[in-house]
Amino acid sequence: MKLIKTEEELKSLIAADEWMMAVITAVEKLQLPDSWACAGFIRSKVWDHLHEKEYRTPLADIDVIYFDKVNSLEKYEKQYEQELTKYLPNEPWSVKNQARMHVVNNSEPYQSSIDGMAHFPEIPTAIGVRLTNGRLEIAAPHGIKHLVSGIVAPTPYFQKDSPMHEVYLNRVRNKQWELSWSELQIVY
């Protein structure tokens, strides 16, 4: 396994990937409030790196999140997906406003995109990246240790004693990440 130890090393890994930078640049062009490319977009890159894969593992979608309490209807998300398609037409965009996503997790309203990320089911999925004044910025509400170590564990909201734990377990079973990344350590 090729280890990454710091956020700076993670930023360097992302910055060296032309495709990832094109995605992040497209997201920045939308100028959405509190926006991030996140989740599997970063997680898969890191796991591919840890497993020394020569080619990128295909993504089901590219998750983009933002936070806008004023325009919180789903129709706006679809419009932003269409706008992103103008920049990179062959990508599977998925845009979600975290101002409304708390309903999915049956939780209190989120206060920001990072708060939304903190409520993702798995710790290594709770990660975002964006360009701010030409520089990469990482958001990792639970840190990067699990991600860069190949450990899949639930975020606090999805822990074993939580009513949401079954959601975490179902995701881990359905995603079958261990088939693509054999050295992951999955906490059930």
Protein backbone atom coordinates (compact mmCIF):
# COMPACT_ATOMS: atom_id res chain seq x y z
CA MET A 1 0.00 0.00 0.00
CA LYS A 2 1.20 3.52 -0.86
CA LEU A 3 0.48 5.60 2.22
CA ILE A 4 -0.64 9.21 2.39
CA LYS A 5 -0.02 10.83 5.75
CA THR A 6 -1.18 14.45 5.54
CA GLU A 7 -3.80 16.66 3.92
CA GLU A 8 -0.97 18.29 1.95
CA GLU A 9 -0.02 14.90 0.48
CA LEU A 10 -3.70 14.32 -0.34
CA LYS A 11 -3.87 17.69 -2.08
CA SER A 12 -0.74 16.82 -4.07
CA LEU A 13 -2.29 13.50 -5.16
CA ILE A 14 -5.41 15.32 -6.38
CA ALA A 15 -3.48 18.19 -8.00
CA ALA A 16 -1.43 15.70 -10.04
CA ASP A 17 -4.60 14.20 -11.56
CA GLU A 18 -5.67 16.25 -14.61
CA TRP A 19 -9.14 14.72 -14.71
CA MET A 20 -9.82 15.48 -11.04
CA MET A 21 -8.62 19.05 -11.49
CA ALA A 22 -10.91 19.46 -14.52
CA VAL A 23 -13.86 18.27 -12.40
CA ILE A 24 -12.97 20.57 -9.49
CA THR A 25 -12.51 23.51 -11.88
CA ALA A 26 -15.93 22.86 -13.45
CA VAL A 27 -17.53 22.86 -10.00
CA GLU A 28 -15.78 26.11 -9.14
CA LYS A 29 -17.16 27.75 -12.30
CA LEU A 30 -20.72 27.34 -11.00
CA GLN A 31 -19.92 29.55 -7.98
CA LEU A 32 -22.40 27.66 -5.81
CA PRO A 33 -22.39 28.63 -2.14
CA ASP A 34 -20.28 26.35 0.06
CA SER A 35 -19.70 23.88 -2.80
CA TRP A 36 -17.47 20.81 -2.79
CA ALA A 37 -16.69 17.81 -4.99
CA CYS A 38 -16.86 15.01 -2.49
CA ALA A 39 -17.43 11.44 -1.37
CA GLY A 40 -16.50 8.69 -3.84
CA PHE A 41 -14.79 11.18 -6.15
CA ILE A 42 -11.98 11.52 -3.60
CA ARG A 43 -12.38 8.23 -1.76
CA SER A 44 -11.92 6.15 -4.91
CA LYS A 45 -8.83 8.13 -5.95
CA VAL A 46 -7.21 7.53 -2.57
CA TRP A 47 -8.12 3.84 -2.50
CA ASP A 48 -6.83 3.40 -6.07
CA HIS A 49 -3.59 5.04 -4.95
CA LEU A 50 -3.34 2.82 -1.85
CA HIS A 51 -3.87 -0.26 -4.01
CA GLU A 52 -1.40 1.00 -6.63
CA LYS A 53 -3.95 0.74 -9.44
CA GLU A 54 -2.74 1.83 -12.84
CA TYR A 55 -6.19 3.00 -13.98
CA ARG A 56 -8.94 4.91 -12.21
CA THR A 57 -11.81 2.81 -10.87
CA PRO A 58 -15.01 4.01 -12.65
CA LEU A 59 -17.41 6.09 -10.58
CA ALA A 60 -21.17 5.69 -10.53
CA ASP A 61 -21.40 9.47 -10.10
CA ILE A 62 -19.45 12.58 -9.22
CA ASP A 63 -20.92 13.98 -6.03
CA VAL A 64 -21.11 17.75 -5.79
CA ILE A 65 -22.66 19.35 -2.74
CA TYR A 66 -23.48 22.93 -1.83
CA PHE A 67 -25.53 24.78 0.78
CA ASP A 68 -28.31 27.18 -0.18
CA LYS A 69 -31.28 27.65 2.18
CA VAL A 70 -33.02 30.11 -0.18
CA ASN A 71 -33.21 27.94 -3.32
CA SER A 72 -33.62 24.51 -1.79
CA LEU A 73 -35.84 22.84 -4.37
CA GLU A 74 -34.49 19.77 -6.14
CA LYS A 75 -35.12 21.36 -9.54
CA TYR A 76 -32.15 23.68 -8.95
CA GLU A 77 -29.87 20.70 -8.38
CA LYS A 78 -30.91 19.28 -11.76
CA GLN A 79 -30.20 22.64 -13.41
CA TYR A 80 -26.70 22.66 -11.90
CA GLU A 81 -26.10 19.13 -13.16
CA GLN A 82 -27.01 20.36 -16.66
CA GLU A 83 -24.62 23.30 -16.32
CA LEU A 84 -21.80 20.99 -15.25
CA THR A 85 -22.54 18.80 -18.27
CA LYS A 86 -21.77 21.80 -20.48
CA TYR A 87 -18.23 21.87 -19.03
CA LEU A 88 -17.64 18.11 -18.90
CA PRO A 89 -20.37 16.37 -20.90
CA ASN A 90 -19.39 12.75 -20.32
CA GLU A 91 -19.39 12.80 -16.54
CA PRO A 92 -22.13 11.37 -14.26
CA TRP A 93 -22.89 14.49 -12.21
CA SER A 94 -24.92 14.30 -9.00
CA VAL A 95 -25.56 17.66 -7.32
CA LYS A 96 -27.20 17.87 -3.90
CA ASN A 97 -28.08 20.90 -1.78
CA GLN A 98 -27.21 20.06 1.83
CA ALA A 99 -29.83 22.56 3.01
CA ARG A 100 -32.45 19.90 2.20
CA MET A 101 -30.58 16.61 2.56
CA HIS A 102 -31.11 16.30 6.32
CA VAL A 103 -34.54 14.91 5.46
CA VAL A 104 -32.88 11.82 3.93
CA ASN A 105 -31.10 11.08 7.22
CA ASN A 106 -34.10 12.04 9.36
CA SER A 107 -31.93 14.50 11.29
CA GLU A 108 -31.89 18.13 12.30
CA PRO A 109 -31.24 20.59 9.45
CA TYR A 110 -27.59 20.87 8.50
CA GLN A 111 -25.84 24.18 9.02
CA SER A 112 -23.37 23.91 6.12
CA SER A 113 -22.05 21.55 3.48
CA ILE A 114 -19.41 20.32 5.90
CA ASP A 115 -22.13 19.55 8.44
CA GLY A 116 -23.87 17.57 5.69
CA MET A 117 -20.63 15.70 4.96
CA ALA A 118 -20.30 14.89 8.66
CA HIS A 119 -23.62 13.03 8.31
CA PHE A 120 -22.50 10.83 5.40
CA PRO A 121 -22.67 7.14 6.44
CA GLU A 122 -18.95 6.23 6.25
CA ILE A 123 -15.96 8.15 7.57
CA PRO A 124 -13.83 7.76 4.40
CA THR A 125 -16.74 9.07 2.31
CA ALA A 126 -17.07 12.20 4.45
CA ILE A 127 -14.51 14.19 2.50
CA GLY A 128 -14.66 17.11 0.08
CA VAL A 129 -12.34 19.17 -2.07
CA ARG A 130 -12.69 22.52 -3.78
CA LEU A 131 -10.69 25.33 -5.31
CA THR A 132 -10.54 28.53 -3.30
CA ASN A 133 -8.59 31.37 -4.93
CA GLY A 134 -6.75 28.83 -7.08
CA ARG A 135 -5.75 26.61 -4.16
CA LEU A 136 -7.12 23.21 -3.21
CA GLU A 137 -8.99 23.06 0.06
CA ILE A 138 -9.93 19.81 1.84
CA ALA A 139 -12.92 19.36 4.15
CA ALA A 140 -12.81 16.25 6.30
CA PRO A 141 -15.13 16.59 9.31
CA HIS A 142 -13.91 13.25 10.70
CA GLY A 143 -10.31 13.62 9.55
CA ILE A 144 -8.48 11.71 6.81
CA LYS A 145 -6.97 8.89 8.90
CA HIS A 146 -9.60 6.27 7.98
CA LEU A 147 -9.56 7.26 4.32
CA VAL A 148 -5.79 7.13 3.87
CA SER A 149 -5.54 3.90 5.89
CA GLY A 150 -8.21 2.05 3.91
CA ILE A 151 -10.54 1.72 6.90
CA VAL A 152 -14.30 1.85 6.35
CA ALA A 153 -16.18 2.71 9.55
CA PRO A 154 -19.46 4.49 10.27
CA THR A 155 -19.62 8.17 11.10
CA PRO A 156 -21.00 9.00 14.57
CA TYR A 157 -24.57 9.34 13.27
CA PHE A 158 -24.43 5.78 11.86
CA GLN A 159 -22.67 4.02 14.78
CA LYS A 160 -23.79 0.61 16.03
CA ASP A 161 -26.03 2.05 18.75
CA SER A 162 -27.79 4.34 16.27
CA PRO A 163 -31.11 3.61 14.52
CA MET A 164 -29.26 4.58 11.32
CA HIS A 165 -26.65 1.80 11.68
CA GLU A 166 -28.59 -0.50 9.37
CA VAL A 167 -28.29 2.12 6.60
CA TYR A 168 -24.51 2.01 6.99
CA LEU A 169 -24.47 -1.81 6.95
CA ASN A 170 -26.65 -1.96 3.83
CA ARG A 171 -24.41 0.52 2.01
CA VAL A 172 -21.28 -1.45 2.86
CA ARG A 173 -22.90 -4.70 1.70
CA ASN A 174 -24.33 -3.18 -1.50
CA LYS A 175 -21.25 -1.22 -2.51
CA GLN A 176 -18.97 -4.29 -2.26
CA TRP A 177 -15.91 -2.06 -2.18
CA GLU A 178 -13.71 -4.98 -1.16
CA LEU A 179 -14.13 -6.43 -4.67
CA SER A 180 -12.33 -3.42 -6.17
CA TRP A 181 -10.02 -2.66 -3.24
CA SER A 182 -9.06 -5.96 -1.59
CA GLU A 183 -7.01 -4.51 1.27
CA LEU A 184 -9.77 -2.39 2.81
CA GLN A 185 -10.61 -3.00 6.44
CA ILE A 186 -14.38 -2.82 6.77
CA VAL A 187 -15.91 -2.34 10.20
CA TYR A 188 -19.28 -4.03 10.47
